[in-house]
N, C-alpha and C. Protein backbone atom coordinates (compact mmCIF):
# COMPACT_ATOMS: atom_id res chain seq x y z
N MET A 1 -161.11 37.04 73.49
CA MET A 1 -160.12 36.08 73.25
C MET A 1 -158.29 36.71 73.28
N GLU A 2 -157.62 36.23 73.83
CA GLU A 2 -156.18 36.58 73.65
C GLU A 2 -155.46 36.07 72.44
N SER A 3 -154.84 36.73 71.75
CA SER A 3 -153.91 36.24 70.60
C SER A 3 -153.15 34.98 71.01
N ASN A 4 -152.93 34.79 72.26
CA ASN A 4 -151.86 33.43 72.49
C ASN A 4 -152.95 32.29 72.88
N GLU A 5 -154.33 32.63 72.78
CA GLU A 5 -155.25 31.62 73.00
C GLU A 5 -155.97 31.24 71.82
N VAL A 6 -155.54 31.69 70.74
CA VAL A 6 -156.36 31.26 69.37
C VAL A 6 -155.68 30.14 68.79
N TYR A 7 -156.51 29.19 68.71
CA TYR A 7 -156.07 27.87 67.85
C TYR A 7 -156.56 27.58 66.60
N CYS A 8 -155.95 27.26 65.55
CA CYS A 8 -156.71 26.87 64.25
C CYS A 8 -157.31 25.32 64.34
N TYR A 9 -157.89 25.17 63.32
CA TYR A 9 -158.61 24.04 63.06
C TYR A 9 -157.91 22.83 63.41
N CYS A 10 -156.20 23.04 63.03
CA CYS A 10 -155.46 22.03 63.33
C CYS A 10 -155.11 21.66 64.87
N GLY A 11 -155.31 22.51 65.71
CA GLY A 11 -155.16 22.34 66.93
C GLY A 11 -154.05 23.14 67.39
N ARG A 12 -153.41 23.72 66.59
CA ARG A 12 -152.10 24.54 66.76
C ARG A 12 -152.31 26.04 67.08
N ARG A 13 -151.42 26.72 67.86
CA ARG A 13 -151.51 28.07 67.98
C ARG A 13 -151.58 28.71 66.70
N THR A 14 -152.16 29.87 66.57
CA THR A 14 -151.99 30.69 65.21
C THR A 14 -151.13 31.71 65.19
N LYS A 15 -150.75 32.33 64.00
CA LYS A 15 -149.88 33.54 63.71
C LYS A 15 -150.70 34.60 63.65
N SER A 16 -150.31 35.64 64.21
CA SER A 16 -151.03 37.14 64.06
C SER A 16 -150.21 37.74 62.98
N ALA A 17 -150.88 38.16 62.12
CA ALA A 17 -150.41 39.10 60.94
C ALA A 17 -151.17 40.49 61.04
N THR A 18 -150.78 41.12 60.12
CA THR A 18 -151.45 42.64 59.89
C THR A 18 -151.85 42.75 58.49
N SER A 19 -152.93 43.06 58.17
CA SER A 19 -153.43 43.42 56.58
C SER A 19 -153.04 44.72 56.32
N TRP A 20 -152.47 44.81 55.00
CA TRP A 20 -152.20 46.26 54.50
C TRP A 20 -153.15 46.48 53.18
N THR A 21 -154.21 45.66 53.12
CA THR A 21 -155.11 45.96 51.89
C THR A 21 -155.96 47.18 52.14
N ALA A 22 -156.33 47.89 50.94
CA ALA A 22 -157.06 49.10 51.10
C ALA A 22 -158.31 48.93 52.23
N LYS A 23 -159.07 47.91 52.07
CA LYS A 23 -160.06 47.80 52.77
C LYS A 23 -159.93 47.41 54.28
N ASN A 24 -158.67 46.89 54.57
CA ASN A 24 -158.32 46.30 56.00
C ASN A 24 -157.03 47.19 56.27
N SER A 25 -156.55 48.15 56.00
CA SER A 25 -155.17 48.62 56.47
C SER A 25 -154.88 48.55 57.85
N GLY A 26 -154.00 47.92 58.14
CA GLY A 26 -153.68 48.00 59.51
C GLY A 26 -154.44 47.04 60.38
N ARG A 27 -155.17 46.31 60.05
CA ARG A 27 -156.28 45.55 60.72
C ARG A 27 -155.32 44.09 61.03
N ARG A 28 -155.43 43.62 62.19
CA ARG A 28 -154.58 42.18 62.56
C ARG A 28 -155.53 41.15 62.35
N PHE A 29 -155.08 39.97 61.97
CA PHE A 29 -155.74 38.63 61.88
C PHE A 29 -154.95 37.51 62.30
N TRP A 30 -155.67 36.34 62.67
CA TRP A 30 -154.83 35.07 62.85
C TRP A 30 -155.01 34.25 61.63
N VAL A 31 -153.83 33.35 61.44
CA VAL A 31 -153.95 32.34 60.27
C VAL A 31 -153.06 31.32 60.87
N CYS A 32 -153.40 30.26 60.30
CA CYS A 32 -152.67 28.75 60.72
C CYS A 32 -150.90 29.09 60.32
N LEU A 33 -150.49 28.48 61.42
CA LEU A 33 -149.02 28.42 61.02
C LEU A 33 -148.38 27.48 60.04
N LYS A 34 -149.24 26.72 59.48
CA LYS A 34 -148.52 25.84 58.74
C LYS A 34 -148.25 26.51 57.26
N PRO A 35 -147.38 26.04 56.45
CA PRO A 35 -147.15 26.81 55.21
C PRO A 35 -148.23 26.79 54.46
N LYS A 36 -148.55 27.83 53.54
CA LYS A 36 -149.30 27.95 52.40
C LYS A 36 -149.61 26.61 51.69
N GLY A 37 -150.93 26.26 51.47
CA GLY A 37 -150.84 25.01 51.04
C GLY A 37 -151.14 23.71 51.62
N LYS A 38 -150.52 23.91 52.83
CA LYS A 38 -150.32 22.85 53.70
C LYS A 38 -151.45 23.28 55.04
N ASP A 39 -151.82 24.60 55.08
CA ASP A 39 -152.45 24.77 56.32
C ASP A 39 -153.97 24.32 56.02
N CYS A 40 -154.68 24.69 57.26
CA CYS A 40 -156.05 24.20 57.53
C CYS A 40 -157.05 25.10 57.03
N GLY A 41 -156.55 26.16 56.48
CA GLY A 41 -157.51 27.58 56.15
C GLY A 41 -158.19 28.08 57.18
N PHE A 42 -157.73 28.20 58.39
CA PHE A 42 -158.23 28.96 59.45
C PHE A 42 -157.72 30.44 59.19
N PHE A 43 -158.59 31.23 59.46
CA PHE A 43 -158.51 32.71 59.33
C PHE A 43 -159.59 33.40 60.35
N GLY A 44 -159.14 34.22 61.00
CA GLY A 44 -160.02 35.05 62.17
C GLY A 44 -159.40 36.56 62.41
N TRP A 45 -160.39 37.38 62.28
CA TRP A 45 -159.88 38.88 62.64
C TRP A 45 -159.55 38.96 64.00
N HIS A 46 -158.58 39.83 64.51
CA HIS A 46 -158.20 40.14 65.83
C HIS A 46 -159.11 41.30 66.07
N ASP A 47 -158.82 42.24 65.22
CA ASP A 47 -159.24 43.67 65.58
C ASP A 47 -160.64 43.61 64.93
N PRO A 48 -161.67 44.50 65.60
CA PRO A 48 -163.06 44.74 64.79
C PRO A 48 -162.98 45.41 63.50
N GLU A 49 -163.76 45.46 62.52
CA GLU A 49 -163.92 46.14 61.39
C GLU A 49 -163.71 47.42 61.55
N MET A 50 -163.12 48.21 60.71
CA MET A 50 -162.89 49.81 61.02
C MET A 50 -164.12 50.44 60.34
N CYS A 51 -164.42 51.42 60.89
CA CYS A 51 -165.48 52.47 60.24
C CYS A 51 -165.18 52.87 59.14
N ALA A 52 -166.18 53.42 58.33
CA ALA A 52 -165.99 53.77 57.08
C ALA A 52 -165.05 54.81 56.87
N ARG A 53 -164.74 55.80 57.75
CA ARG A 53 -164.07 56.90 57.52
C ARG A 53 -162.35 56.61 57.83
N SER A 54 -162.26 55.48 58.51
CA SER A 54 -160.86 54.99 58.60
C SER A 54 -160.45 54.38 57.22
N LYS A 55 -161.45 53.55 56.62
CA LYS A 55 -161.21 52.84 55.36
C LYS A 55 -160.76 53.93 54.26
N GLU A 56 -161.28 55.13 54.48
CA GLU A 56 -161.25 56.04 53.64
C GLU A 56 -160.15 56.81 53.69
N VAL A 57 -159.58 57.00 54.92
CA VAL A 57 -158.52 57.81 55.40
C VAL A 57 -157.16 57.36 55.39
N ILE A 58 -157.03 55.95 55.94
CA ILE A 58 -155.89 55.27 56.27
C ILE A 58 -155.14 54.96 54.97
N PRO A 59 -155.94 54.58 53.87
CA PRO A 59 -155.13 54.12 52.59
C PRO A 59 -154.36 55.43 51.95
N GLY A 60 -155.14 56.57 52.11
CA GLY A 60 -154.34 57.67 51.53
C GLY A 60 -153.32 57.95 52.43
N LEU A 61 -153.28 57.98 53.81
CA LEU A 61 -152.10 58.17 54.74
C LEU A 61 -150.86 57.20 54.45
N LEU A 62 -151.38 55.91 54.03
CA LEU A 62 -150.48 54.96 53.90
C LEU A 62 -149.54 55.32 52.52
N CYS A 63 -150.30 55.71 51.70
CA CYS A 63 -149.62 56.21 50.33
C CYS A 63 -148.83 57.28 50.44
N LYS A 64 -149.28 58.50 51.30
CA LYS A 64 -148.47 59.49 51.63
C LYS A 64 -147.14 59.07 52.30
N LEU A 65 -147.24 58.13 53.37
CA LEU A 65 -146.09 57.71 54.08
C LEU A 65 -145.10 57.13 53.04
N ASN A 66 -145.60 56.23 52.23
CA ASN A 66 -144.70 55.48 51.16
C ASN A 66 -143.86 56.42 50.20
N SER A 67 -144.80 57.45 49.76
CA SER A 67 -144.12 58.46 49.08
C SER A 67 -142.97 59.41 49.76
N LEU A 68 -143.24 59.82 50.85
CA LEU A 68 -142.17 60.30 51.83
C LEU A 68 -141.03 59.41 51.83
N GLU A 69 -141.26 58.60 52.22
CA GLU A 69 -140.19 57.26 52.46
C GLU A 69 -139.18 57.09 51.15
N LYS A 70 -139.91 56.89 50.12
CA LYS A 70 -139.36 56.98 48.79
C LYS A 70 -138.30 58.11 48.37
N LYS A 71 -138.75 59.37 48.76
CA LYS A 71 -138.02 60.53 48.78
C LYS A 71 -137.04 60.81 49.43
N GLN A 72 -137.13 60.52 50.76
CA GLN A 72 -136.05 60.46 51.53
C GLN A 72 -134.91 59.61 51.22
N LYS A 73 -135.40 58.29 50.77
CA LYS A 73 -134.29 57.33 50.16
C LYS A 73 -133.47 57.84 49.25
N VAL A 74 -134.15 58.61 48.24
CA VAL A 74 -133.71 59.12 46.99
C VAL A 74 -132.67 60.41 47.65
N GLU A 75 -133.28 61.26 48.37
CA GLU A 75 -132.29 62.15 49.08
C GLU A 75 -131.07 61.75 49.74
N ARG A 76 -131.25 60.80 50.39
CA ARG A 76 -130.16 60.16 51.27
C ARG A 76 -128.93 59.68 50.40
N ARG A 77 -129.35 58.91 49.17
CA ARG A 77 -128.71 58.61 48.21
C ARG A 77 -127.82 59.46 47.61
N ALA A 78 -128.53 60.73 47.26
CA ALA A 78 -127.93 61.95 46.66
C ALA A 78 -126.82 62.67 47.62
N PHE A 79 -127.15 62.62 48.83
CA PHE A 79 -126.24 63.05 49.97
C PHE A 79 -124.91 62.26 49.94
N ILE A 80 -125.33 60.93 50.09
CA ILE A 80 -123.91 60.19 50.25
C ILE A 80 -123.21 60.21 48.91
N PHE A 81 -123.81 60.16 47.74
CA PHE A 81 -123.08 60.66 46.31
C PHE A 81 -122.19 61.68 46.51
N VAL A 82 -122.88 62.73 46.86
CA VAL A 82 -122.15 64.10 46.99
C VAL A 82 -120.87 64.01 48.22
N ILE A 83 -121.02 63.26 49.32
CA ILE A 83 -120.12 63.18 50.09
C ILE A 83 -118.82 62.41 49.50
N LEU A 84 -119.08 61.39 48.90
CA LEU A 84 -118.33 60.37 48.33
C LEU A 84 -117.48 61.23 47.40
N VAL A 85 -118.22 62.04 46.21
CA VAL A 85 -117.46 62.62 45.19
C VAL A 85 -116.56 63.68 45.94
N SER A 86 -117.07 64.40 46.98
CA SER A 86 -116.29 65.68 47.33
C SER A 86 -115.22 65.11 48.19
N SER A 87 -115.29 63.98 48.82
CA SER A 87 -113.96 63.29 49.35
C SER A 87 -112.97 62.87 48.44
N PHE A 88 -113.60 62.37 47.35
CA PHE A 88 -112.43 61.84 46.16
C PHE A 88 -111.86 63.06 45.79
N VAL A 89 -112.66 64.10 45.37
CA VAL A 89 -111.88 65.49 44.87
C VAL A 89 -110.91 65.89 45.77
N TYR A 90 -111.39 65.95 46.86
CA TYR A 90 -110.51 66.38 48.22
C TYR A 90 -109.28 65.52 48.22
N TRP A 91 -109.41 64.29 48.03
CA TRP A 91 -108.11 63.41 48.05
C TRP A 91 -107.28 63.74 46.95
N ILE A 92 -107.88 63.73 45.72
CA ILE A 92 -107.07 64.06 44.63
C ILE A 92 -106.43 65.11 44.77
N VAL A 93 -106.86 66.46 45.04
CA VAL A 93 -106.29 67.71 45.24
C VAL A 93 -105.19 67.46 46.25
N TYR A 94 -105.56 67.14 47.37
CA TYR A 94 -104.54 66.76 48.39
C TYR A 94 -103.31 66.34 47.85
N ALA A 95 -103.63 64.83 47.37
CA ALA A 95 -102.43 64.05 46.82
C ALA A 95 -101.50 64.88 45.86
N ASN A 96 -102.29 65.57 44.73
CA ASN A 96 -101.39 66.38 44.01
C ASN A 96 -100.77 67.57 44.57
N LEU A 97 -101.13 68.17 45.44
CA LEU A 97 -100.40 69.02 46.34
C LEU A 97 -99.14 68.39 46.93
N GLY A 98 -99.49 67.32 47.77
CA GLY A 98 -98.52 66.87 48.33
C GLY A 98 -97.05 66.39 47.00
N THR A 99 -97.65 65.75 46.16
CA THR A 99 -96.61 65.59 45.06
C THR A 99 -95.79 66.73 44.51
N THR A 100 -96.76 67.82 44.12
CA THR A 100 -95.94 69.06 43.75
C THR A 100 -94.98 69.43 44.96
N THR A 101 -95.38 69.49 46.27
CA THR A 101 -94.39 70.07 47.10
C THR A 101 -93.25 69.14 47.17
N ARG A 102 -93.39 67.75 47.10
CA ARG A 102 -92.34 66.87 47.23
C ARG A 102 -91.21 67.23 45.78
N LYS A 103 -92.05 67.31 44.64
CA LYS A 103 -91.20 67.54 43.46
C LYS A 103 -90.26 68.83 43.92
N GLY A 104 -91.01 69.86 44.34
CA GLY A 104 -90.44 71.11 44.41
C GLY A 104 -89.13 71.01 45.30
N ASN A 105 -89.50 70.27 46.40
CA ASN A 105 -88.39 70.06 47.42
C ASN A 105 -87.15 69.34 46.68
N LEU A 106 -87.52 68.22 46.04
CA LEU A 106 -86.35 67.50 45.25
C LEU A 106 -85.65 68.58 44.49
N GLU A 107 -86.28 69.05 43.80
CA GLU A 107 -85.67 70.16 42.78
C GLU A 107 -84.81 71.15 43.44
N VAL A 108 -85.23 71.56 44.51
CA VAL A 108 -84.31 72.74 45.34
C VAL A 108 -82.96 72.09 45.84
N LEU A 109 -83.09 70.67 46.28
CA LEU A 109 -82.00 70.10 46.89
C LEU A 109 -81.12 69.69 45.60
């Protein structure tokens, strides 16, 4: 069956989604398009069941990926903070140098 040919019990085309549970990580399935509670209860797997090894390995890989993404987000925020603080300090120093120079020039005149 092609995904665009799957129809639910209502006679409507179904929506394809991806499972991210530990048992079926990355496995695609079809469901009724109607909102939850008003749907016909149709559910069908698009992909075949994964082997035992995949069920063991994939959740660990997803956990590692999520951990690395969180770490990268924290590092990115820290980098932006350092850039902002450095820019602010540079601006303060530059503004003070400009003020001192102008005062010095005024005093000489």
